[in-house]
């Protein structure tokens, strides 16, 4: 075999292995995952786990981005929107997840052919380095169990080809002093979304920092909801603590939290996304990077 052919094969293996590492991977429950349901979505088989009884438990090693994909089953002929909810316990911290979605007609179940299923509710969290235990618990009041699918994806580097985006509606930047640098962030408040226009096919990374007031503790959580028009792309949950290395310029009564991030896959074409803080009386500083 010539050296040229050898190196071409070696390069292909390296690229293939890197792409596999960055793909989303299904996480199966470490406890109570014996019962399964297979849904056919766009011609692909997708494995879900019904949430009932003592719930589902997962053992996950961070750092990692975790996505919870949930759907609710309904009988044929039920076309209206349906509400469903469940709880996420992350290392003891409780998150209440509430969704409401219409029925997605194209989905079929191998086990329950008479059922239809809603569009997916997507909830995201980031896990720090180390071992984590996640429990998913049902909430009473549902006729059928909520179906859940949990996937993970590694953190990625933005590389050199990146663009910093600004909100479409003019808004003055808030300057953050960190490690001798001044970095522009844009403030996002409850009930007042920030709108960003992004072109695909790319990835949009959202860097966030909670603004700590004097009344807040050392650690706090916050949620950011992302929409495109009426469609909810996902709800992102963050837990953070006060930063000792950064300061908000001209706001001596506020302390920035340590940065937390999430990502969106921007499909081909032009898209407008709305970003809204869901926690009352909490403001979040945001920064948008397209790469």
Protein backbone atom coordinates (compact mmCIF):
# COMPACT_ATOMS: atom_id res chain seq x y z
CA UNK A 1 0.00 0.00 0.00
CA UNK A 2 1.35 3.44 -0.93
CA UNK A 3 1.88 6.10 1.73
CA UNK A 4 -0.64 8.43 0.01
CA UNK A 5 -3.42 5.83 0.19
CA UNK A 6 -2.47 5.01 3.79
CA UNK A 7 -2.63 8.63 4.93
CA UNK A 8 -5.93 9.18 3.13
CA UNK A 9 -7.42 6.22 4.97
CA UNK A 10 -5.96 7.42 8.28
CA UNK A 11 -7.40 10.91 7.73
CA UNK A 12 -10.83 9.44 6.94
CA UNK A 13 -10.78 7.41 10.18
CA UNK A 14 -9.82 10.45 12.25
CA UNK A 15 -12.58 12.61 10.72
CA UNK A 16 -15.14 9.84 11.12
CA UNK A 17 -14.21 9.29 14.77
CA UNK A 18 -14.44 13.02 15.52
CA UNK A 19 -17.86 13.28 13.90
CA UNK A 20 -19.09 10.33 15.94
CA UNK A 21 -17.91 11.97 19.15
CA UNK A 22 -19.91 15.10 18.40
CA UNK A 23 -23.14 13.29 17.50
CA UNK A 24 -25.97 13.08 20.01
CA UNK A 25 -26.03 9.77 21.87
CA UNK A 26 -28.99 8.03 23.48
CA UNK A 27 -28.70 7.45 27.23
CA UNK A 28 -30.56 4.44 28.60
CA UNK A 29 -31.87 4.42 32.20
CA UNK A 30 -29.66 2.75 34.79
CA UNK A 31 -32.83 1.87 36.77
CA UNK A 32 -36.44 1.09 35.74
CA UNK A 33 -35.72 1.09 32.01
CA UNK A 34 -37.11 -2.36 31.24
CA UNK A 35 -40.28 -1.07 29.53
CA UNK A 36 -39.74 0.58 26.15
CA UNK A 37 -41.72 2.04 23.27
CA UNK A 38 -40.50 2.39 19.70
CA UNK A 39 -41.83 5.34 17.69
CA UNK A 40 -41.46 5.70 13.94
CA UNK A 41 -40.57 9.36 13.24
CA UNK A 42 -39.73 10.45 9.69
CA UNK A 43 -38.94 6.87 8.78
CA UNK A 44 -36.55 6.38 11.70
CA UNK A 45 -37.00 4.19 14.78
CA UNK A 46 -36.69 6.16 18.02
CA UNK A 47 -36.56 4.49 21.42
CA UNK A 48 -38.59 6.08 24.24
CA UNK A 49 -39.19 5.07 27.85
CA UNK A 50 -42.60 5.49 29.56
CA UNK A 51 -42.49 7.48 32.78
CA UNK A 52 -44.50 5.71 35.49
CA UNK A 53 -44.27 4.39 39.06
CA UNK A 54 -40.91 5.18 40.64
CA UNK A 55 -39.75 6.98 37.50
CA UNK A 56 -36.49 6.59 35.59
CA UNK A 57 -32.96 6.98 36.90
CA UNK A 58 -29.81 7.83 34.92
CA UNK A 59 -26.13 7.79 35.83
CA UNK A 60 -24.24 10.32 33.69
CA UNK A 61 -20.65 11.54 33.70
CA UNK A 62 -20.06 15.22 32.92
CA UNK A 63 -19.23 17.60 31.46
CA UNK A 64 -22.08 17.12 29.01
CA UNK A 65 -25.16 18.71 27.48
CA UNK A 66 -28.32 16.74 28.23
CA UNK A 67 -31.55 16.97 26.22
CA UNK A 68 -34.86 15.56 27.50
CA UNK A 69 -37.23 14.81 24.61
CA UNK A 70 -40.79 14.10 25.77
CA UNK A 71 -44.04 13.26 24.00
CA UNK A 72 -47.55 12.50 25.21
CA UNK A 73 -49.69 9.69 23.71
CA UNK A 74 -53.36 10.31 22.83
CA UNK A 75 -56.06 8.29 21.06
CA UNK A 76 -56.70 8.80 17.36
CA UNK A 77 -59.07 11.67 16.58
CA UNK A 78 -57.77 13.87 19.40
CA UNK A 79 -56.43 16.86 17.47
CA UNK A 80 -56.28 19.61 20.07
CA UNK A 81 -53.25 20.58 22.13
CA UNK A 82 -52.39 18.47 25.15
CA UNK A 83 -50.63 19.46 28.37
CA UNK A 84 -48.18 17.13 30.07
CA UNK A 85 -45.58 17.50 32.79
CA UNK A 86 -42.91 15.69 34.78
CA UNK A 87 -40.08 16.35 37.25
CA UNK A 88 -36.32 16.25 36.79
CA UNK A 89 -34.14 15.70 39.87
CA UNK A 90 -30.50 16.59 39.19
CA UNK A 91 -28.26 15.64 42.12
CA UNK A 92 -31.21 16.46 44.41
CA UNK A 93 -32.23 19.73 42.72
CA UNK A 94 -35.86 19.58 41.49
CA UNK A 95 -36.98 21.00 38.12
CA UNK A 96 -40.67 21.05 37.18
CA UNK A 97 -41.16 20.67 33.42
CA UNK A 98 -44.45 21.73 31.79
CA UNK A 99 -45.30 21.32 28.10
CA UNK A 100 -48.30 21.83 25.84
CA UNK A 101 -48.19 20.63 22.23
CA UNK A 102 -50.44 19.62 19.36
CA UNK A 103 -50.61 16.11 17.93
CA UNK A 104 -48.00 15.25 15.28
CA UNK A 105 -49.85 13.05 12.81
CA UNK A 106 -46.89 11.37 11.13
CA UNK A 107 -45.69 9.49 14.24
CA UNK A 108 -46.56 5.81 14.65
CA UNK A 109 -45.94 3.39 17.50
CA UNK A 110 -44.89 -0.22 17.05
CA UNK A 111 -46.50 -1.22 20.37
CA UNK A 112 -49.59 1.04 20.26
CA UNK A 113 -50.77 1.50 16.64
CA UNK A 114 -54.06 3.14 17.77
CA UNK A 115 -52.24 5.98 19.54
CA UNK A 116 -51.11 9.33 18.19
CA UNK A 117 -48.35 11.42 19.78
CA UNK A 118 -47.71 15.10 20.39
CA UNK A 119 -44.85 17.15 19.03
CA UNK A 120 -41.79 16.83 21.22
CA UNK A 121 -41.17 18.97 24.27
CA UNK A 122 -37.44 19.68 24.56
CA UNK A 123 -35.74 20.58 27.82
CA UNK A 124 -31.97 21.08 28.19
CA UNK A 125 -29.48 21.13 31.06
CA UNK A 126 -25.69 21.31 31.27
CA UNK A 127 -23.78 19.03 33.63
CA UNK A 128 -20.45 19.97 35.18
CA UNK A 129 -17.47 17.64 35.40
CA UNK A 130 -17.97 14.54 37.55
CA UNK A 131 -20.58 11.84 38.19
CA UNK A 132 -24.26 12.83 38.28
CA UNK A 133 -27.53 11.08 39.13
CA UNK A 134 -30.66 12.22 37.31
CA UNK A 135 -34.16 11.01 38.21
CA UNK A 136 -37.27 11.59 36.13
CA UNK A 137 -40.52 11.40 38.07
CA UNK A 138 -44.14 11.30 36.83
CA UNK A 139 -46.77 13.77 38.03
CA UNK A 140 -50.32 12.61 38.77
CA UNK A 141 -53.20 13.55 36.52
CA UNK A 142 -52.17 11.98 33.21
CA UNK A 143 -54.30 9.34 31.51
CA UNK A 144 -51.23 7.87 29.83
CA UNK A 145 -47.54 7.92 30.87
CA UNK A 146 -45.31 10.59 29.35
CA UNK A 147 -42.72 9.10 26.98
CA UNK A 148 -39.13 10.26 27.41
CA UNK A 149 -35.91 10.01 25.47
CA UNK A 150 -32.65 11.35 26.95
CA UNK A 151 -29.68 12.17 24.74
CA UNK A 152 -26.26 13.69 25.42
CA UNK A 153 -23.79 15.66 23.33
CA UNK A 154 -20.25 16.72 24.11
CA UNK A 155 -19.21 20.36 24.31
CA UNK A 156 -17.76 21.64 21.03
CA UNK A 157 -15.17 24.26 20.14
CA UNK A 158 -16.36 27.23 18.06
CA UNK A 159 -13.10 27.32 16.09
CA UNK A 160 -11.86 30.42 14.26
CA UNK A 161 -14.77 31.07 11.86
CA UNK A 162 -17.28 32.65 14.20
CA UNK A 163 -19.57 35.68 14.11
CA UNK A 164 -20.88 37.64 17.09
CA UNK A 165 -24.56 38.52 16.64
CA UNK A 166 -26.50 41.48 18.05
CA UNK A 167 -30.25 41.66 18.82
CA UNK A 168 -32.37 42.91 15.92
CA UNK A 169 -34.05 45.63 17.99
CA UNK A 170 -31.42 48.20 19.00
CA UNK A 171 -30.31 47.68 22.57
CA UNK A 172 -27.24 49.08 24.27
CA UNK A 173 -24.68 46.50 25.29
CA UNK A 174 -23.78 45.86 28.93
CA UNK A 175 -20.03 45.72 29.39
CA UNK A 176 -18.51 42.98 31.50
CA UNK A 177 -14.98 43.36 32.84
CA UNK A 178 -13.26 39.99 33.04
CA UNK A 179 -9.54 39.14 33.12
CA UNK A 180 -8.61 42.63 31.92
CA UNK A 181 -11.00 42.52 28.95
CA UNK A 182 -14.29 44.33 28.29
CA UNK A 183 -16.89 42.06 26.69
CA UNK A 184 -20.29 43.14 25.38
CA UNK A 185 -23.39 41.31 26.63
CA UNK A 186 -27.07 42.02 26.03
CA UNK A 187 -29.57 42.02 28.87
CA UNK A 188 -32.57 39.69 28.65
CA UNK A 189 -35.49 40.23 31.03
CA UNK A 190 -38.72 38.31 31.83
CA UNK A 191 -41.48 39.21 29.39
CA UNK A 192 -39.12 41.15 27.10
CA UNK A 193 -37.52 38.71 24.64
CA UNK A 194 -34.37 39.39 22.66
CA UNK A 195 -34.67 38.58 18.95
CA UNK A 196 -31.69 37.28 17.00
CA UNK A 197 -31.48 36.63 13.27
CA UNK A 198 -29.18 33.78 12.28
CA UNK A 199 -28.34 32.14 8.95
CA UNK A 200 -27.79 28.41 8.59
CA UNK A 201 -26.60 25.85 8.23
CA UNK A 202 -24.65 26.69 11.41
CA UNK A 203 -24.57 26.38 15.18
CA UNK A 204 -25.66 29.24 17.43
CA UNK A 205 -24.02 29.28 20.84
CA UNK A 206 -25.68 31.35 23.57
CA UNK A 207 -23.43 32.36 26.46
CA UNK A 208 -25.38 33.48 29.53
CA UNK A 209 -24.61 35.05 32.90
CA UNK A 210 -27.18 35.61 35.62
CA UNK A 211 -27.18 39.05 37.24
CA UNK A 212 -26.96 38.46 41.01
CA UNK A 213 -28.64 41.06 43.22
CA UNK A 214 -27.83 41.62 46.87
CA UNK A 215 -30.89 39.59 47.91
CA UNK A 216 -29.78 36.46 46.04
CA UNK A 217 -27.71 33.67 47.53
CA UNK A 218 -24.34 32.37 46.48
CA UNK A 219 -25.93 29.92 44.00
CA UNK A 220 -29.03 30.39 41.84
CA UNK A 221 -30.80 28.72 38.90
CA UNK A 222 -32.53 30.27 35.91
CA UNK A 223 -34.33 29.25 32.71
CA UNK A 224 -34.17 30.53 29.15
CA UNK A 225 -36.87 29.70 26.58
CA UNK A 226 -36.15 29.84 22.85
CA UNK A 227 -38.85 30.24 20.20
CA UNK A 228 -38.96 30.55 16.44
CA UNK A 229 -42.30 32.19 15.74
CA UNK A 230 -44.89 30.18 17.70
CA UNK A 231 -42.69 27.09 17.83
CA UNK A 232 -40.82 26.46 21.08
CA UNK A 233 -37.33 25.25 20.20
CA UNK A 234 -36.52 24.36 23.80
CA UNK A 235 -36.24 25.44 27.42
CA UNK A 236 -32.74 25.62 28.88
CA UNK A 237 -32.05 25.24 32.60
CA UNK A 238 -28.88 26.61 34.20
CA UNK A 239 -27.44 26.54 37.69
CA UNK A 240 -24.67 29.01 38.49
CA UNK A 241 -22.83 30.83 41.27
CA UNK A 242 -21.45 34.32 41.77
CA UNK A 243 -18.28 35.08 39.85
CA UNK A 244 -15.29 36.51 41.74
CA UNK A 245 -13.34 37.27 38.54
CA UNK A 246 -15.84 39.47 36.64
CA UNK A 247 -17.68 42.75 37.23
CA UNK A 248 -20.56 44.50 35.46
CA UNK A 249 -19.51 48.00 34.43
CA UNK A 250 -21.57 50.82 36.05
CA UNK A 251 -23.61 48.32 38.11
CA UNK A 252 -21.89 48.08 41.47
CA UNK A 253 -25.04 46.60 43.07
CA UNK A 254 -25.00 43.57 40.70
CA UNK A 255 -22.58 40.64 40.44
CA UNK A 256 -22.39 38.45 37.31
CA UNK A 257 -22.73 34.72 37.63
CA UNK A 258 -20.25 32.29 36.15
CA UNK A 259 -21.00 31.80 32.47
CA UNK A 260 -23.21 28.99 31.25
CA UNK A 261 -23.96 28.17 27.61
CA UNK A 262 -26.33 26.32 25.32
CA UNK A 263 -26.45 25.68 21.57
CA UNK A 264 -28.98 25.67 18.72
CA UNK A 265 -28.66 23.88 15.41
CA UNK A 266 -29.62 26.54 12.84
CA UNK A 267 -31.02 24.87 9.69
CA UNK A 268 -30.30 26.13 6.19
CA UNK A 269 -31.79 29.54 5.47
CA UNK A 270 -32.58 32.63 7.54
CA UNK A 271 -34.15 32.25 10.99
CA UNK A 272 -35.36 34.57 13.76
CA UNK A 273 -35.21 33.35 17.35
CA UNK A 274 -36.74 34.88 20.46
CA UNK A 275 -34.93 34.42 23.79
CA UNK A 276 -36.91 34.97 27.00
CA UNK A 277 -36.07 34.54 30.70
CA UNK A 278 -38.80 32.54 32.46
CA UNK A 279 -37.95 33.45 36.05
CA UNK A 280 -39.58 36.60 37.40
CA UNK A 281 -37.29 39.30 38.79
CA UNK A 282 -34.21 37.69 37.24
CA UNK A 283 -32.15 39.29 34.48
CA UNK A 284 -29.67 37.42 32.32
CA UNK A 285 -26.76 38.79 30.29
CA UNK A 286 -26.48 37.04 26.91
CA UNK A 287 -23.94 36.78 24.12
CA UNK A 288 -24.56 35.12 20.74
CA UNK A 289 -21.90 33.38 18.63
CA UNK A 290 -22.64 31.84 15.22
CA UNK A 291 -20.14 29.29 13.88
